[in-house]
Protein backbone atom coordinates (compact mmCIF):
# COMPACT_ATOMS: atom_id res chain seq x y z
CA MET A 1 5.90 -12.54 12.04
CA ALA A 2 4.57 -9.05 11.28
CA GLN A 3 0.78 -8.79 10.80
CA VAL A 4 -0.58 -6.92 7.03
CA VAL A 5 -3.12 -4.69 7.32
CA PHE A 6 -5.06 -2.74 4.88
CA THR A 7 -6.39 0.47 5.41
CA GLU A 8 -9.25 2.17 4.49
CA GLN A 9 -7.31 4.93 2.32
CA ALA A 10 -5.24 1.78 0.80
CA ILE A 11 -8.98 -0.22 -0.14
CA SER A 12 -10.08 3.38 -1.89
CA ASP A 13 -6.95 3.69 -3.46
CA ILE A 14 -6.29 0.19 -4.86
CA ASP A 15 -10.19 0.10 -5.78
CA ASP A 16 -9.73 3.37 -7.53
CA ILE A 17 -6.68 1.65 -9.78
CA ALA A 18 -8.72 -1.15 -10.63
CA THR A 19 -11.56 0.80 -12.00
CA TYR A 20 -9.29 4.13 -14.60
CA ILE A 21 -6.97 0.76 -15.99
CA GLY A 22 -10.17 -1.33 -15.50
CA TYR A 23 -11.64 1.01 -18.21
CA ASP A 24 -9.71 -0.07 -21.12
CA SER A 25 -9.32 -4.13 -19.80
CA LEU A 26 -10.84 -5.87 -17.33
CA HIS A 27 -8.12 -8.64 -17.23
CA TYR A 28 -4.65 -5.99 -16.56
CA ALA A 29 -7.18 -3.99 -13.92
CA GLN A 30 -6.99 -7.44 -12.00
CA LEU A 31 -3.47 -8.02 -12.54
CA GLN A 32 -2.43 -4.87 -11.25
CA VAL A 33 -3.86 -5.83 -8.51
CA GLU A 34 -3.41 -8.49 -7.75
CA LYS A 35 0.60 -7.74 -7.95
CA PHE A 36 0.60 -4.59 -4.91
CA PHE A 37 -1.18 -7.88 -2.74
CA LYS A 38 1.42 -9.44 -4.32
CA ARG A 39 4.41 -7.15 -3.12
CA THR A 40 3.38 -6.81 0.19
CA GLU A 41 3.17 -10.71 1.31
CA ALA A 42 7.05 -9.85 2.36
CA LEU A 43 6.01 -7.15 4.71
CA ALA A 44 5.47 -10.61 7.18
CA GLN A 45 8.84 -11.10 7.80
CA PHE A 46 10.56 -8.59 6.46
CA THR A 47 9.33 -5.65 7.74
CA GLN A 48 11.60 -2.67 6.57
CA GLN A 49 12.13 -3.89 3.43
CA GLY A 50 11.27 -1.15 1.93
CA ARG A 51 12.55 2.41 1.59
CA VAL A 52 11.82 5.15 4.53
CA VAL A 53 9.61 7.80 2.28
CA PRO A 54 11.72 10.59 0.99
CA GLU A 55 8.82 13.13 1.89
CA PHE A 56 8.40 12.15 5.49
CA ASN A 57 11.54 10.89 6.52
CA MET A 58 10.59 9.18 9.69
CA LYS A 59 11.96 5.17 9.71
CA SER A 60 8.55 4.58 10.73
CA VAL A 61 7.49 5.46 7.05
CA ARG A 62 8.49 3.40 3.65
CA GLU A 63 7.29 2.28 0.43
CA LEU A 64 7.88 -0.44 -1.88
CA ILE A 65 7.27 0.27 -5.69
CA GLU A 66 5.68 -1.65 -8.07
CA GLY A 67 5.53 -0.33 -11.08
CA ASN A 68 5.21 4.07 -11.34
CA TYR A 69 3.32 3.11 -8.08
CA ARG A 70 4.38 3.51 -4.59
CA ILE A 71 2.77 1.34 -1.60
CA ILE A 72 2.72 3.80 1.49
CA TYR A 73 3.23 1.60 4.94
CA LYS A 74 3.74 1.73 8.68
CA ILE A 75 5.84 0.13 10.97
CA VAL A 76 2.90 -0.15 13.53
CA ASN A 77 4.98 -2.48 15.85
CA LYS A 78 7.75 -5.18 15.45
CA ASN A 79 4.18 -7.26 14.81
CA LEU A 80 1.76 -5.04 12.73
CA ILE A 81 2.18 -2.76 9.22
CA HIS A 82 -0.27 -0.34 8.21
CA ILE A 83 -0.60 -0.58 4.31
CA LEU A 84 -1.48 3.49 4.92
CA THR A 85 -2.35 4.40 0.42
CA VAL A 86 -1.67 3.26 -2.62
CA HIS A 87 -0.15 5.79 -4.49
CA HIS A 88 1.04 7.16 -8.20
CA SER A 89 4.37 7.92 -7.91
CA ARG A 90 4.52 11.03 -10.51
CA LYS A 91 1.49 11.99 -7.68
CA MET A 92 2.28 14.43 -5.25
CA LEU A 93 2.32 12.09 -1.66
CA LYS A 94 0.01 14.29 0.64
CA ARG A 95 0.75 13.79 4.32
CA ALA A 96 -2.65 14.43 5.42
CA VAL A 97 -3.48 11.24 3.13
CA ILE A 98 -0.66 10.02 5.40
CA VAL A 99 -1.04 10.78 8.91
CA SER A 100 -5.55 10.10 8.23
CA ALA A 101 -5.15 7.20 7.28
CA SER A 102 -6.87 4.32 9.39
CA VAL A 103 -7.17 0.22 9.09
CA LYS A 104 -10.67 -1.23 8.34
CA ARG A 105 -9.55 -4.97 7.04
CA ASN A 106 -6.48 -7.14 6.34
CA LYS A 107 -5.16 -8.68 3.37
CA SER A 108 -7.45 -12.21 4.09
CA ASP A 109 -10.28 -9.94 4.74
CA LEU A 110 -10.37 -9.35 0.90
CA SER A 111 -9.64 -12.64 -0.67
């Protein structure tokens, strides 16, 4: 079973999304945040469940779709997954965001 670790960038993205949604509804902001974390839970057992990110075409960089958002992750090795960014599907995905994502804390630290 792999450990799923959220990078600083991913945490920041989720915070920004929650803040934006929260302007209209704190309830729906919290629901969206919960959906992001729930969507990534299965990665611990099924690391390759997402598709390869077409912009990068690297087998280790994959994505899960959650509503209008792309959860981009990297398979570091069979025991470690880094959630790199959570990105709105209408926005252009920048390579620099993927490359510069640094690990801050894992999902268990956020509870």
